[in-house]
Amino acid sequence: MTKNFTLSMIFIICYTVTLRAQTNKSALSKQHAASTLLKTFKDKNGEIIGSLYVDYIKKNIFKHLYIVKEQAGKVTDTLYQVKNNVLFRKETVDVQVSGEDFYGYKMVQIKPYYFEIVMIDKHGTGISDYLTINWNVKKKRFELVKTP
């Protein structure tokens, strides 16, 4: 009885964890479907690193940004994301910036291995320094370039 009960509990826990992971990927896939692709980053060999998407709230202004890995049109991993005034590397907070007067972001430039964004207020005026998100080849991840 105890052995069967333990195996049943392990199955339920594993099934629940798997179901939650699938639900999170599905939710992200739905979000990604409404987003605008800006760039597909590739390494020196032409292999895809990730695709950069934004959710525009107005022309050229966005509040959310995602760099995702995709396979067969489905999101398999989120490499970097910006949600409101928080920048995430995977699920880890890279930095949380001041939200005072924050309205959204504008893309400043996109290069082969990095891009720059600036926080703006409701009038479209920049309220931050440029935030540079770079592909770190050695660590194989996107990260905010922090200046001293």
N, C-alpha and C. Protein backbone atom coordinates (compact mmCIF):
# COMPACT_ATOMS: atom_id res chain seq x y z
N MET A 1 0.83 -1.19 0.00
CA MET A 1 0.00 0.00 0.00
C MET A 1 0.87 1.25 0.00
N THR A 2 1.85 1.32 0.87
CA THR A 2 2.70 2.51 0.97
C THR A 2 3.52 2.68 -0.31
N LYS A 3 4.01 1.58 -0.87
CA LYS A 3 4.81 1.64 -2.08
C LYS A 3 3.97 2.18 -3.24
N ASN A 4 2.75 1.67 -3.41
CA ASN A 4 1.86 2.14 -4.47
C ASN A 4 1.47 3.60 -4.26
N PHE A 5 1.21 3.96 -3.03
CA PHE A 5 0.86 5.34 -2.71
C PHE A 5 2.02 6.29 -3.06
N THR A 6 3.26 5.89 -2.69
CA THR A 6 4.44 6.70 -2.98
C THR A 6 4.63 6.85 -4.48
N LEU A 7 4.50 5.77 -5.23
CA LEU A 7 4.64 5.83 -6.69
C LEU A 7 3.56 6.71 -7.30
N SER A 8 2.35 6.62 -6.77
CA SER A 8 1.25 7.47 -7.27
C SER A 8 1.55 8.93 -7.02
N MET A 9 2.07 9.25 -5.84
CA MET A 9 2.40 10.63 -5.51
C MET A 9 3.52 11.15 -6.41
N ILE A 10 4.54 10.32 -6.66
CA ILE A 10 5.63 10.73 -7.54
C ILE A 10 5.09 11.01 -8.94
N PHE A 11 4.21 10.15 -9.44
CA PHE A 11 3.62 10.36 -10.77
C PHE A 11 2.83 11.66 -10.82
N ILE A 12 2.02 11.92 -9.79
CA ILE A 12 1.21 13.14 -9.75
C ILE A 12 2.11 14.37 -9.72
N ILE A 13 3.15 14.34 -8.91
CA ILE A 13 4.07 15.48 -8.83
C ILE A 13 4.77 15.70 -10.16
N CYS A 14 5.29 14.63 -10.77
CA CYS A 14 5.97 14.76 -12.06
C CYS A 14 5.02 15.26 -13.13
N TYR A 15 3.80 14.74 -13.16
CA TYR A 15 2.81 15.16 -14.15
C TYR A 15 2.46 16.64 -13.96
N THR A 16 2.31 17.07 -12.70
CA THR A 16 1.98 18.47 -12.41
C THR A 16 3.10 19.40 -12.85
N VAL A 17 4.36 19.05 -12.55
CA VAL A 17 5.50 19.87 -12.95
C VAL A 17 5.59 19.95 -14.46
N THR A 18 5.41 18.82 -15.15
CA THR A 18 5.44 18.81 -16.61
C THR A 18 4.31 19.66 -17.19
N LEU A 19 3.12 19.52 -16.64
CA LEU A 19 1.97 20.29 -17.11
C LEU A 19 2.20 21.78 -16.92
N ARG A 20 2.77 22.19 -15.76
CA ARG A 20 3.05 23.60 -15.53
C ARG A 20 4.08 24.12 -16.53
N ALA A 21 5.12 23.35 -16.81
CA ALA A 21 6.15 23.78 -17.77
C ALA A 21 5.53 23.94 -19.16
N GLN A 22 4.66 23.00 -19.56
CA GLN A 22 4.00 23.10 -20.86
C GLN A 22 3.08 24.31 -20.90
N THR A 23 2.36 24.57 -19.81
CA THR A 23 1.46 25.72 -19.75
C THR A 23 2.25 27.02 -19.88
N ASN A 24 3.38 27.13 -19.18
CA ASN A 24 4.21 28.33 -19.29
C ASN A 24 4.71 28.54 -20.71
N LYS A 25 5.14 27.46 -21.38
CA LYS A 25 5.61 27.59 -22.76
C LYS A 25 4.46 27.97 -23.68
N SER A 26 3.26 27.41 -23.44
CA SER A 26 2.11 27.76 -24.26
C SER A 26 1.73 29.21 -24.07
N ALA A 27 1.76 29.69 -22.83
CA ALA A 27 1.42 31.09 -22.57
C ALA A 27 2.43 32.00 -23.25
N LEU A 28 3.70 31.64 -23.19
CA LEU A 28 4.72 32.44 -23.84
C LEU A 28 4.55 32.38 -25.35
N SER A 29 4.19 31.22 -25.89
CA SER A 29 3.97 31.09 -27.32
C SER A 29 2.82 31.98 -27.77
N LYS A 30 1.75 32.05 -26.97
CA LYS A 30 0.62 32.92 -27.30
C LYS A 30 1.05 34.37 -27.26
N GLN A 31 1.86 34.74 -26.25
CA GLN A 31 2.36 36.10 -26.14
C GLN A 31 3.24 36.42 -27.35
N HIS A 32 4.10 35.49 -27.69
CA HIS A 32 5.02 35.65 -28.81
C HIS A 32 4.26 35.82 -30.12
N ALA A 33 3.13 35.19 -30.27
CA ALA A 33 2.34 35.29 -31.50
C ALA A 33 1.86 36.71 -31.75
N ALA A 34 1.64 37.49 -30.70
CA ALA A 34 1.15 38.87 -30.84
C ALA A 34 2.31 39.87 -30.89
N SER A 35 3.54 39.41 -30.81
CA SER A 35 4.71 40.27 -30.77
C SER A 35 5.28 40.51 -32.16
N THR A 36 6.16 41.51 -32.26
CA THR A 36 6.80 41.86 -33.53
C THR A 36 8.25 41.42 -33.51
N LEU A 37 8.65 40.64 -34.50
CA LEU A 37 10.03 40.19 -34.63
C LEU A 37 10.88 41.36 -35.14
N LEU A 38 11.96 41.68 -34.41
CA LEU A 38 12.86 42.75 -34.83
C LEU A 38 14.18 42.22 -35.38
N LYS A 39 14.66 41.10 -34.84
CA LYS A 39 15.97 40.61 -35.24
C LYS A 39 16.12 39.16 -34.85
N THR A 40 16.81 38.39 -35.70
CA THR A 40 17.23 37.04 -35.34
C THR A 40 18.75 37.08 -35.20
N PHE A 41 19.23 36.84 -34.00
CA PHE A 41 20.67 36.86 -33.74
C PHE A 41 21.27 35.53 -34.13
N LYS A 42 22.45 35.60 -34.80
CA LYS A 42 23.15 34.39 -35.23
C LYS A 42 24.60 34.47 -34.77
N ASP A 43 25.18 33.30 -34.52
CA ASP A 43 26.59 33.27 -34.14
C ASP A 43 27.47 33.34 -35.39
N LYS A 44 28.79 33.24 -35.21
CA LYS A 44 29.74 33.36 -36.32
C LYS A 44 29.54 32.28 -37.38
N ASN A 45 28.99 31.14 -36.97
CA ASN A 45 28.76 30.02 -37.89
C ASN A 45 27.39 30.06 -38.55
N GLY A 46 26.62 31.09 -38.25
CA GLY A 46 25.29 31.22 -38.83
C GLY A 46 24.19 30.49 -38.07
N GLU A 47 24.55 29.88 -36.93
CA GLU A 47 23.55 29.20 -36.10
C GLU A 47 22.73 30.25 -35.35
N ILE A 48 21.45 30.02 -35.25
CA ILE A 48 20.57 30.98 -34.58
C ILE A 48 20.78 30.93 -33.07
N ILE A 49 21.05 32.12 -32.50
CA ILE A 49 21.19 32.26 -31.05
C ILE A 49 19.80 32.47 -30.45
N GLY A 50 19.05 33.40 -31.01
CA GLY A 50 17.72 33.70 -30.50
C GLY A 50 17.06 34.79 -31.34
N SER A 51 15.77 34.94 -31.17
CA SER A 51 14.98 35.92 -31.91
C SER A 51 14.47 36.99 -30.95
N LEU A 52 14.60 38.25 -31.36
CA LEU A 52 14.22 39.40 -30.56
C LEU A 52 12.83 39.88 -30.97
N TYR A 53 11.90 39.87 -30.01
CA TYR A 53 10.53 40.31 -30.22
C TYR A 53 10.19 41.43 -29.24
N VAL A 54 9.31 42.33 -29.66
CA VAL A 54 8.79 43.36 -28.76
C VAL A 54 7.28 43.42 -28.87
N ASP A 55 6.65 43.92 -27.81
CA ASP A 55 5.21 44.16 -27.79
C ASP A 55 5.01 45.67 -27.82
N TYR A 56 4.64 46.20 -28.98
CA TYR A 56 4.45 47.64 -29.11
C TYR A 56 3.16 48.09 -28.43
N ILE A 57 3.24 49.24 -27.76
CA ILE A 57 2.04 49.86 -27.20
C ILE A 57 1.64 51.07 -28.03
N LYS A 58 2.58 51.62 -28.76
CA LYS A 58 2.40 52.71 -29.72
C LYS A 58 3.49 52.54 -30.77
N LYS A 59 3.42 53.33 -31.81
CA LYS A 59 4.44 53.25 -32.84
C LYS A 59 5.82 53.49 -32.22
N ASN A 60 6.71 52.52 -32.39
CA ASN A 60 8.09 52.57 -31.91
C ASN A 60 8.25 52.59 -30.40
N ILE A 61 7.19 52.38 -29.63
CA ILE A 61 7.28 52.35 -28.17
C ILE A 61 6.78 50.98 -27.69
N PHE A 62 7.58 50.34 -26.85
CA PHE A 62 7.20 49.03 -26.32
C PHE A 62 7.45 48.97 -24.83
N LYS A 63 6.75 48.04 -24.17
CA LYS A 63 6.96 47.82 -22.73
C LYS A 63 7.57 46.45 -22.46
N HIS A 64 7.42 45.54 -23.40
CA HIS A 64 7.93 44.18 -23.21
C HIS A 64 8.81 43.79 -24.38
N LEU A 65 9.89 43.07 -24.06
CA LEU A 65 10.85 42.60 -25.04
C LEU A 65 11.22 41.18 -24.65
N TYR A 66 11.38 40.32 -25.66
CA TYR A 66 11.74 38.93 -25.41
C TYR A 66 12.80 38.51 -26.41
N ILE A 67 13.80 37.79 -25.95
CA ILE A 67 14.72 37.08 -26.84
C ILE A 67 14.48 35.62 -26.55
N VAL A 68 14.01 34.90 -27.56
CA VAL A 68 13.60 33.52 -27.36
C VAL A 68 14.31 32.58 -28.33
N LYS A 69 14.43 31.35 -27.90
CA LYS A 69 14.87 30.25 -28.75
C LYS A 69 13.60 29.63 -29.30
N GLU A 70 13.60 29.29 -30.57
CA GLU A 70 12.43 28.69 -31.19
C GLU A 70 12.84 27.43 -31.94
N GLN A 71 11.90 26.52 -32.01
CA GLN A 71 12.11 25.31 -32.79
C GLN A 71 10.77 24.95 -33.41
N ALA A 72 10.75 24.81 -34.71
CA ALA A 72 9.52 24.50 -35.45
C ALA A 72 8.40 25.48 -35.13
N GLY A 73 8.77 26.78 -34.99
CA GLY A 73 7.77 27.82 -34.75
C GLY A 73 7.26 27.92 -33.33
N LYS A 74 7.82 27.13 -32.42
CA LYS A 74 7.39 27.17 -31.02
C LYS A 74 8.53 27.64 -30.14
N VAL A 75 8.20 28.42 -29.13
CA VAL A 75 9.21 28.91 -28.19
C VAL A 75 9.66 27.75 -27.30
N THR A 76 10.98 27.54 -27.26
CA THR A 76 11.52 26.48 -26.42
C THR A 76 12.26 27.03 -25.20
N ASP A 77 12.66 28.30 -25.26
CA ASP A 77 13.37 28.89 -24.13
C ASP A 77 13.34 30.42 -24.24
N THR A 78 13.29 31.09 -23.12
CA THR A 78 13.38 32.55 -23.08
C THR A 78 14.78 32.89 -22.58
N LEU A 79 15.58 33.54 -23.44
CA LEU A 79 16.96 33.86 -23.10
C LEU A 79 17.09 35.18 -22.35
N TYR A 80 16.24 36.14 -22.69
CA TYR A 80 16.28 37.45 -22.04
C TYR A 80 14.92 38.09 -22.21
N GLN A 81 14.52 38.91 -21.24
CA GLN A 81 13.25 39.61 -21.37
C GLN A 81 13.26 40.91 -20.57
N VAL A 82 12.49 41.84 -21.06
CA VAL A 82 12.27 43.11 -20.39
C VAL A 82 10.77 43.23 -20.18
N LYS A 83 10.37 43.36 -18.94
CA LYS A 83 8.95 43.53 -18.60
C LYS A 83 8.85 44.78 -17.75
N ASN A 84 8.23 45.79 -18.32
CA ASN A 84 8.11 47.09 -17.67
C ASN A 84 9.50 47.60 -17.30
N ASN A 85 9.79 47.80 -16.04
CA ASN A 85 11.08 48.36 -15.67
C ASN A 85 12.04 47.32 -15.08
N VAL A 86 11.80 46.05 -15.38
CA VAL A 86 12.66 44.98 -14.89
C VAL A 86 13.26 44.23 -16.09
N LEU A 87 14.59 44.01 -16.05
CA LEU A 87 15.29 43.29 -17.09
C LEU A 87 15.69 41.93 -16.53
N PHE A 88 15.33 40.85 -17.23
CA PHE A 88 15.57 39.48 -16.76
C PHE A 88 16.53 38.75 -17.68
N ARG A 89 17.44 38.02 -17.10
CA ARG A 89 18.29 37.07 -17.80
C ARG A 89 17.77 35.70 -17.41
N LYS A 90 17.12 35.03 -18.34
CA LYS A 90 16.35 33.82 -18.04
C LYS A 90 15.31 34.20 -16.98
N GLU A 91 15.29 33.53 -15.82
CA GLU A 91 14.35 33.89 -14.77
C GLU A 91 14.98 34.77 -13.70
N THR A 92 16.27 35.09 -13.86
CA THR A 92 17.00 35.89 -12.88
C THR A 92 16.89 37.37 -13.21
N VAL A 93 16.60 38.19 -12.21
CA VAL A 93 16.55 39.63 -12.44
C VAL A 93 17.96 40.13 -12.71
N ASP A 94 18.15 40.73 -13.88
CA ASP A 94 19.44 41.32 -14.24
C ASP A 94 19.56 42.67 -13.57
N VAL A 95 18.50 43.48 -13.69
CA VAL A 95 18.46 44.78 -13.03
C VAL A 95 17.03 45.28 -13.02
N GLN A 96 16.69 46.01 -11.99
CA GLN A 96 15.41 46.70 -11.94
C GLN A 96 15.74 48.19 -11.92
N VAL A 97 15.21 48.90 -12.91
CA VAL A 97 15.53 50.32 -13.03
C VAL A 97 14.39 51.16 -12.46
N SER A 98 14.69 52.38 -12.14
CA SER A 98 13.70 53.27 -11.55
C SER A 98 12.48 53.38 -12.46
N GLY A 99 11.31 53.25 -11.88
CA GLY A 99 10.08 53.30 -12.65
C GLY A 99 9.43 54.68 -12.67
N GLU A 100 10.07 55.66 -12.04
CA GLU A 100 9.49 57.00 -11.97
C GLU A 100 9.39 57.59 -13.37
N ASP A 101 8.21 58.05 -13.75
CA ASP A 101 7.93 58.63 -15.06
C ASP A 101 8.08 57.64 -16.22
N PHE A 102 8.22 56.36 -15.91
CA PHE A 102 8.41 55.35 -16.96
C PHE A 102 7.12 55.15 -17.75
N TYR A 103 7.26 55.16 -19.07
CA TYR A 103 6.13 54.87 -19.95
C TYR A 103 6.41 53.68 -20.85
N GLY A 104 7.64 53.56 -21.31
CA GLY A 104 8.01 52.46 -22.20
C GLY A 104 9.46 52.58 -22.63
N TYR A 105 9.78 51.88 -23.72
CA TYR A 105 11.14 51.88 -24.27
C TYR A 105 11.09 52.20 -25.75
N LYS A 106 12.21 52.72 -26.23
CA LYS A 106 12.43 52.86 -27.67
C LYS A 106 13.71 52.10 -27.99
N MET A 107 13.73 51.48 -29.16
CA MET A 107 14.93 50.81 -29.63
C MET A 107 15.86 51.88 -30.17
N VAL A 108 17.11 51.89 -29.73
CA VAL A 108 18.08 52.86 -30.19
C VAL A 108 18.82 52.29 -31.40
N GLN A 109 19.34 51.08 -31.26
CA GLN A 109 20.01 50.41 -32.36
C GLN A 109 20.08 48.91 -32.12
N ILE A 110 20.19 48.18 -33.23
CA ILE A 110 20.34 46.73 -33.17
C ILE A 110 21.55 46.37 -34.03
N LYS A 111 22.50 45.69 -33.43
CA LYS A 111 23.73 45.26 -34.10
C LYS A 111 23.77 43.72 -34.08
N PRO A 112 24.77 43.12 -34.73
CA PRO A 112 24.80 41.65 -34.80
C PRO A 112 24.79 40.93 -33.46
N TYR A 113 25.44 41.48 -32.40
CA TYR A 113 25.51 40.78 -31.13
C TYR A 113 24.99 41.58 -29.94
N TYR A 114 24.40 42.73 -30.19
CA TYR A 114 23.85 43.52 -29.10
C TYR A 114 22.79 44.47 -29.62
N PHE A 115 22.06 45.05 -28.67
CA PHE A 115 21.10 46.10 -29.02
C PHE A 115 21.03 47.08 -27.86
N GLU A 116 20.53 48.28 -28.14
CA GLU A 116 20.40 49.31 -27.12
C GLU A 116 18.98 49.83 -27.11
N ILE A 117 18.48 50.03 -25.89
CA ILE A 117 17.15 50.60 -25.70
C ILE A 117 17.28 51.78 -24.74
N VAL A 118 16.27 52.64 -24.74
CA VAL A 118 16.24 53.75 -23.81
C VAL A 118 14.84 53.82 -23.21
N MET A 119 14.78 54.08 -21.92
CA MET A 119 13.50 54.27 -21.24
C MET A 119 12.97 55.65 -21.62
N ILE A 120 11.67 55.75 -21.81
CA ILE A 120 11.07 57.03 -22.16
C ILE A 120 9.88 57.33 -21.26
N ASP A 121 9.53 58.62 -21.20
CA ASP A 121 8.34 59.02 -20.45
C ASP A 121 7.16 59.11 -21.43
N LYS A 122 6.00 59.54 -20.95
CA LYS A 122 4.80 59.57 -21.80
C LYS A 122 4.89 60.58 -22.94
N HIS A 123 5.89 61.48 -22.89
CA HIS A 123 6.08 62.46 -23.96
C HIS A 123 7.09 61.97 -25.00
N GLY A 124 7.67 60.79 -24.77
CA GLY A 124 8.65 60.24 -25.70
C GLY A 124 10.07 60.71 -25.43
N THR A 125 10.27 61.36 -24.30
CA THR A 125 11.59 61.87 -23.92
C THR A 125 12.36 60.79 -23.17
N GLY A 126 13.63 60.61 -23.52
CA GLY A 126 14.47 59.64 -22.84
C GLY A 126 14.66 60.00 -21.38
N ILE A 127 14.48 59.02 -20.50
CA ILE A 127 14.64 59.26 -19.06
C ILE A 127 15.73 58.37 -18.47
N SER A 128 16.51 57.73 -19.33
CA SER A 128 17.60 56.89 -18.85
C SER A 128 18.76 56.97 -19.82
N ASP A 129 19.90 56.47 -19.37
CA ASP A 129 21.00 56.25 -20.29
C ASP A 129 20.60 55.08 -21.19
N TYR A 130 21.35 54.88 -22.26
CA TYR A 130 21.08 53.73 -23.10
C TYR A 130 21.37 52.45 -22.30
N LEU A 131 20.50 51.48 -22.44
CA LEU A 131 20.68 50.17 -21.82
C LEU A 131 21.13 49.22 -22.93
N THR A 132 22.34 48.69 -22.80
CA THR A 132 22.92 47.81 -23.82
C THR A 132 22.81 46.37 -23.36
N ILE A 133 22.14 45.55 -24.17
CA ILE A 133 22.02 44.12 -23.88
C ILE A 133 22.88 43.41 -24.92
N ASN A 134 23.84 42.64 -24.44
CA ASN A 134 24.89 42.05 -25.28
C ASN A 134 24.88 40.53 -25.17
N TRP A 135 25.22 39.86 -26.28
CA TRP A 135 25.42 38.40 -26.27
C TRP A 135 26.82 38.14 -25.75
N ASN A 136 26.93 37.48 -24.60
CA ASN A 136 28.22 37.11 -24.03
C ASN A 136 28.57 35.73 -24.58
N VAL A 137 29.55 35.71 -25.49
CA VAL A 137 29.90 34.47 -26.18
C VAL A 137 30.43 33.42 -25.21
N LYS A 138 31.28 33.82 -24.27
CA LYS A 138 31.87 32.87 -23.33
C LYS A 138 30.82 32.25 -22.41
N LYS A 139 29.89 33.08 -21.91
CA LYS A 139 28.86 32.59 -20.99
C LYS A 139 27.63 32.06 -21.73
N LYS A 140 27.57 32.32 -23.03
CA LYS A 140 26.45 31.89 -23.88
C LYS A 140 25.12 32.37 -23.34
N ARG A 141 25.06 33.71 -23.11
CA ARG A 141 23.82 34.30 -22.62
C ARG A 141 23.79 35.78 -22.96
N PHE A 142 22.58 36.34 -23.01
CA PHE A 142 22.42 37.78 -23.15
C PHE A 142 22.46 38.38 -21.77
N GLU A 143 23.08 39.56 -21.65
CA GLU A 143 23.17 40.22 -20.37
C GLU A 143 23.30 41.73 -20.56
N LEU A 144 22.88 42.46 -19.55
CA LEU A 144 23.01 43.91 -19.55
C LEU A 144 24.46 44.27 -19.36
N VAL A 145 24.97 45.16 -20.20
CA VAL A 145 26.35 45.64 -20.05
C VAL A 145 26.32 46.71 -18.98
N LYS A 146 27.00 46.44 -17.91
CA LYS A 146 27.02 47.38 -16.78
C LYS A 146 28.29 48.20 -16.84
N THR A 147 28.11 49.51 -16.82
CA THR A 147 29.26 50.41 -16.87
C THR A 147 29.62 50.84 -15.46
N PRO A 148 30.93 51.07 -15.22
CA PRO A 148 31.34 51.48 -13.87
C PRO A 148 30.88 52.86 -13.50
